[in-house]
Structure formats: structure tokens, C-alpha cells
Amino acid sequence: MKQCPICQSIAFDDAETCFGCLHDFTCDEAAVPAPSPTTIVGDMPPAFVIQIKPERERSGLTSWTCTVDLVPA
């Protein structure tokens, strides 16, 4: 199994396309892995987590979904 560097979905080792975001695994050199949303800056834990993920491509255009989750103190 392998993990998509764009949306973090799990795919079979022989998959050429991620079914979560349609990322093409055959050209992974163009992919930039997203930083971990739980990265701590200094001594302060994060107060919120922002995730931005591409949705399925439609008519050559890609839409994006953005979610913001508050982290309990």
C-alpha cells in the first residue's frame, strides 16, 4: 500500500492514480508532500488545523475544499 502525497489517501502499490484526488502517481516528482497539521511552533501547540484538499477534476478545472478545525485547549 502507498499513501498519496497530496490528499494522504491510501492506494494499492500498483495504482497509477489516487482515487481520492486523482493525483497521478506516475509523476511523483511534481508532488510536494503537505506539512503535518500537528507541527508545533515553539512551545505553543496549534490552536486550529487547516486542511486544503483538491477535489475531483471537472471540465479541466480543479475545485478545492478547505476545512478549519479548532483544537480543544
Foldseek 3Di string as FASTA:
>chain_A
DDADQAPRDDDDPPDQADPAARDGPVPCVPGDHDDDQQDDDDPDTDQKGKDKHWGYDDPNDIDIDIDIGGDDD
